[in-house]
N, C-alpha and C. Protein backbone atom coordinates (compact mmCIF):
# COMPACT_ATOMS: atom_id res chain seq x y z
N MET A 1 91.16 170.22 129.14
CA MET A 1 92.71 170.74 128.69
C MET A 1 91.83 172.11 127.97
N SER A 2 92.83 173.20 127.82
CA SER A 2 92.27 174.32 126.85
C SER A 2 93.05 174.10 125.43
N ARG A 3 92.89 174.76 124.43
CA ARG A 3 93.70 174.72 123.35
C ARG A 3 95.06 175.02 123.08
N THR A 4 95.33 175.84 124.02
CA THR A 4 96.60 176.48 124.24
C THR A 4 97.63 175.46 124.65
N THR A 5 97.44 174.51 125.66
CA THR A 5 98.46 173.52 126.02
C THR A 5 99.06 172.73 124.40
N PRO A 6 98.09 171.75 124.00
CA PRO A 6 98.49 171.37 122.81
C PRO A 6 99.05 172.12 121.82
N ALA A 7 98.23 173.19 121.43
CA ALA A 7 99.05 174.13 120.37
C ALA A 7 100.40 174.56 120.68
N GLY A 8 100.74 174.81 122.07
CA GLY A 8 102.01 175.12 122.76
C GLY A 8 103.00 173.64 122.26
N ARG A 9 102.49 172.78 122.80
CA ARG A 9 103.26 171.46 122.55
C ARG A 9 103.65 171.14 121.28
N PHE A 10 102.69 171.36 120.33
CA PHE A 10 102.82 171.26 118.80
C PHE A 10 103.94 172.14 118.52
N ALA A 11 103.93 173.37 118.80
CA ALA A 11 104.88 174.20 118.45
C ALA A 11 106.20 174.07 118.82
N GLU A 12 106.18 173.54 120.05
CA GLU A 12 107.57 173.15 120.50
C GLU A 12 108.17 171.97 119.94
N LEU A 13 107.34 170.82 119.44
CA LEU A 13 107.62 169.83 118.61
C LEU A 13 108.20 169.97 117.30
N VAL A 14 107.33 170.95 116.69
CA VAL A 14 107.58 171.14 115.13
C VAL A 14 108.36 172.50 115.01
N SER A 15 108.57 173.33 115.89
CA SER A 15 108.95 174.63 115.62
C SER A 15 108.11 175.53 114.88
N GLU A 16 106.79 175.58 114.91
CA GLU A 16 106.05 176.35 114.03
C GLU A 16 104.47 176.09 114.78
N PRO A 17 103.81 177.26 114.83
CA PRO A 17 102.33 176.98 115.25
C PRO A 17 101.46 175.93 114.26
N PRO A 18 100.63 175.49 114.85
CA PRO A 18 99.70 174.49 114.10
C PRO A 18 99.13 174.95 112.73
N LEU A 19 98.59 176.17 112.84
CA LEU A 19 97.98 176.96 111.81
C LEU A 19 98.96 177.23 110.47
N THR A 20 100.22 177.63 111.07
CA THR A 20 101.36 177.87 110.12
C THR A 20 101.61 176.51 109.25
N TYR A 21 101.88 175.31 110.16
CA TYR A 21 102.30 173.84 109.69
C TYR A 21 100.82 173.69 108.77
N LEU A 22 100.03 173.54 109.16
CA LEU A 22 98.66 173.57 108.22
C LEU A 22 98.78 174.23 106.85
N THR A 23 98.92 175.51 106.90
CA THR A 23 99.04 175.98 105.68
C THR A 23 100.02 175.89 104.71
N ASP A 24 101.42 175.68 105.46
CA ASP A 24 102.57 175.04 104.54
C ASP A 24 102.20 173.62 103.97
N TRP A 25 101.55 172.99 104.75
CA TRP A 25 101.46 171.56 104.16
C TRP A 25 99.99 171.55 103.00
N ARG A 26 99.31 172.55 103.12
CA ARG A 26 98.14 172.52 102.25
C ARG A 26 98.53 173.10 100.91
N MET A 27 99.55 174.19 101.08
CA MET A 27 100.22 174.96 99.90
C MET A 27 101.12 174.07 99.22
N THR A 28 101.68 173.14 99.94
CA THR A 28 102.93 172.23 99.30
C THR A 28 101.73 171.46 98.43
N LEU A 29 101.02 170.57 99.10
CA LEU A 29 99.93 169.89 98.18
C LEU A 29 99.47 170.39 97.01
N ALA A 30 99.10 171.78 97.27
CA ALA A 30 98.41 172.16 96.02
C ALA A 30 99.22 172.60 95.05
N ALA A 31 100.72 172.98 95.34
CA ALA A 31 101.65 173.09 94.34
C ALA A 31 101.80 171.74 93.72
N GLY A 32 101.83 170.77 94.08
CA GLY A 32 102.06 169.57 93.57
C GLY A 32 101.09 169.12 92.47
N GLN A 33 99.76 169.50 93.02
CA GLN A 33 98.83 169.04 92.22
C GLN A 33 98.36 169.93 91.03
N LEU A 34 98.92 171.35 91.25
CA LEU A 34 98.62 172.35 90.02
C LEU A 34 99.79 171.71 89.07
N ALA A 35 101.14 171.55 89.21
CA ALA A 35 102.09 171.13 88.53
C ALA A 35 101.82 169.80 87.84
N GLU A 36 101.28 168.77 88.56
CA GLU A 36 101.04 167.31 88.03
C GLU A 36 99.72 167.17 87.27
N SER A 37 98.90 167.98 87.46
CA SER A 37 97.39 167.71 87.02
C SER A 37 96.82 168.77 86.28
N THR A 38 95.69 168.26 85.64
CA THR A 38 94.98 169.31 84.90
C THR A 38 93.69 169.58 85.57
N ALA A 39 93.35 169.16 86.65
CA ALA A 39 92.29 169.45 87.54
C ALA A 39 91.99 171.00 87.76
N PRO A 40 90.84 171.57 87.68
CA PRO A 40 90.43 172.79 87.97
C PRO A 40 90.94 173.55 89.17
N VAL A 41 91.42 174.81 89.41
CA VAL A 41 91.91 175.17 90.54
C VAL A 41 90.80 174.86 91.88
N ALA A 42 89.34 175.30 91.47
CA ALA A 42 88.57 174.97 92.47
C ALA A 42 88.58 173.25 93.10
N ALA A 43 88.86 172.55 92.17
CA ALA A 43 88.96 171.22 92.85
C ALA A 43 90.12 171.01 93.59
N ILE A 44 91.06 171.79 93.21
CA ILE A 44 92.28 171.51 93.92
C ILE A 44 92.05 172.21 95.21
N ALA A 45 91.70 173.33 95.41
CA ALA A 45 91.15 174.11 96.50
C ALA A 45 90.49 173.18 97.63
N HIS A 46 89.25 172.58 96.97
CA HIS A 46 88.55 171.82 97.76
C HIS A 46 89.48 170.37 98.32
N ARG A 47 90.36 169.98 97.66
CA ARG A 47 91.04 168.97 97.92
C ARG A 47 91.81 169.11 99.20
N VAL A 48 92.50 170.38 99.05
CA VAL A 48 93.32 170.67 100.23
C VAL A 48 92.66 171.53 101.37
N GLY A 49 91.29 171.52 101.43
CA GLY A 49 90.84 172.14 102.60
C GLY A 49 90.33 173.58 102.52
N TYR A 50 89.99 174.04 101.31
CA TYR A 50 89.47 175.21 100.95
C TYR A 50 87.83 175.23 100.59
N SER A 51 87.26 175.91 101.02
CA SER A 51 85.70 176.07 100.41
C SER A 51 85.46 176.57 99.21
N ASP A 52 86.30 177.46 98.79
CA ASP A 52 86.01 178.00 97.55
C ASP A 52 87.57 178.38 97.06
N ALA A 53 87.46 178.75 95.54
CA ALA A 53 88.54 178.88 94.91
C ALA A 53 89.15 180.23 95.23
N LEU A 54 88.41 181.27 95.51
CA LEU A 54 88.80 182.65 95.61
C LEU A 54 89.68 182.80 96.90
N GLY A 55 89.04 182.11 98.24
CA GLY A 55 89.91 182.19 99.21
C GLY A 55 91.39 181.40 99.32
N PHE A 56 91.11 180.21 98.42
CA PHE A 56 92.44 179.48 98.23
C PHE A 56 93.33 180.30 97.26
N SER A 57 92.89 181.06 96.25
CA SER A 57 93.82 181.71 95.25
C SER A 57 94.31 182.66 96.00
N ALA A 58 93.80 183.49 96.85
CA ALA A 58 94.54 184.43 97.59
C ALA A 58 95.59 184.02 98.63
N ALA A 59 95.42 183.00 99.24
CA ALA A 59 96.10 182.38 100.33
C ALA A 59 97.30 181.64 99.38
N PHE A 60 97.07 181.13 98.32
CA PHE A 60 98.09 180.60 97.71
C PHE A 60 99.07 181.70 97.00
N LYS A 61 98.29 182.73 96.47
CA LYS A 61 99.54 183.72 96.01
C LYS A 61 100.09 184.45 97.29
N ARG A 62 99.39 184.57 98.20
CA ARG A 62 100.21 184.95 99.33
C ARG A 62 101.58 184.40 99.90
N PHE A 63 101.33 182.96 99.90
CA PHE A 63 102.57 181.84 100.14
C PHE A 63 103.41 181.80 98.96
N HIS A 64 102.99 181.72 97.86
CA HIS A 64 104.04 181.48 96.60
C HIS A 64 104.21 182.68 95.69
N GLY A 65 103.58 183.90 95.86
CA GLY A 65 103.94 184.89 95.23
C GLY A 65 103.29 185.12 93.59
N VAL A 66 102.51 183.96 93.60
CA VAL A 66 102.02 183.87 92.28
C VAL A 66 100.45 183.24 92.17
N SER A 67 99.63 183.76 91.32
CA SER A 67 98.31 183.09 91.52
C SER A 67 98.40 181.52 91.00
N PRO A 68 97.54 180.67 91.34
CA PRO A 68 97.64 179.36 91.42
C PRO A 68 97.69 178.98 89.66
N SER A 69 97.11 179.48 88.61
CA SER A 69 96.97 179.69 87.34
C SER A 69 98.48 179.79 86.76
N LYS A 70 99.07 181.06 87.52
CA LYS A 70 100.48 181.37 86.98
C LYS A 70 101.45 180.18 87.30
N TYR A 71 101.35 179.70 88.62
CA TYR A 71 102.23 178.83 88.82
C TYR A 71 102.06 177.58 88.25
N ARG A 72 100.78 177.19 87.71
CA ARG A 72 100.63 175.89 87.02
C ARG A 72 101.41 176.22 85.76
N GLN A 73 101.06 177.38 85.18
CA GLN A 73 101.82 177.77 83.70
C GLN A 73 103.23 177.79 83.81
N ASP A 74 104.00 178.23 84.87
CA ASP A 74 105.32 178.28 85.12
C ASP A 74 105.83 177.03 85.41
N ALA A 75 105.06 176.02 86.19
CA ALA A 75 105.29 174.65 86.07
C ALA A 75 105.48 173.71 84.84
N GLY A 76 104.37 174.22 83.92
CA GLY A 76 104.51 173.54 82.73
C GLY A 76 105.58 173.97 81.76
N THR A 77 106.01 175.30 81.92
CA THR A 77 106.98 175.57 81.25
C THR A 77 108.35 175.23 81.54
N SER A 78 108.52 175.17 82.98
CA SER A 78 109.77 174.44 83.41
C SER A 78 109.94 172.93 83.23
N ALA A 79 108.84 172.21 82.85
CA ALA A 79 108.82 170.71 82.93
C ALA A 79 109.28 170.63 81.24
N ARG A 80 108.68 171.34 80.42
CA ARG A 80 108.95 171.58 78.75
C ARG A 80 110.47 171.78 78.81
N CYS A 81 110.62 172.71 79.49
CA CYS A 81 112.37 173.06 79.27
C CYS A 81 113.05 172.11 79.78
N GLY A 82 113.00 171.38 80.51
CA GLY A 82 113.65 170.16 81.23
C GLY A 82 113.71 168.94 80.40
N GLN A 83 112.91 168.93 79.24
CA GLN A 83 112.87 167.46 78.55
C GLN A 83 113.83 167.83 77.42
N SER A 84 114.50 166.74 76.98
CA SER A 84 115.24 166.75 75.64
C SER A 84 114.50 166.35 74.61
N THR A 85 114.91 166.78 73.41
CA THR A 85 114.07 166.31 72.10
C THR A 85 115.00 165.34 71.43
């Protein structure tokens, strides 16, 4: 069986191609880890399947519109603003 058949079936069932789904999933996991941990960006990149931080950072910025560091900074600011004193 060629790869086209399962990829087409996946897209039919999930409503998006496999690589788009994988990218969405990786970026969602990465965003959560950036917001909830102090792990280095390179470590998070590796955890979500990227071999280097540079490629991960470029993909993350394309997906979220901001760098991983800026995303983490903004997530920290949002969390602090939501806390009551």
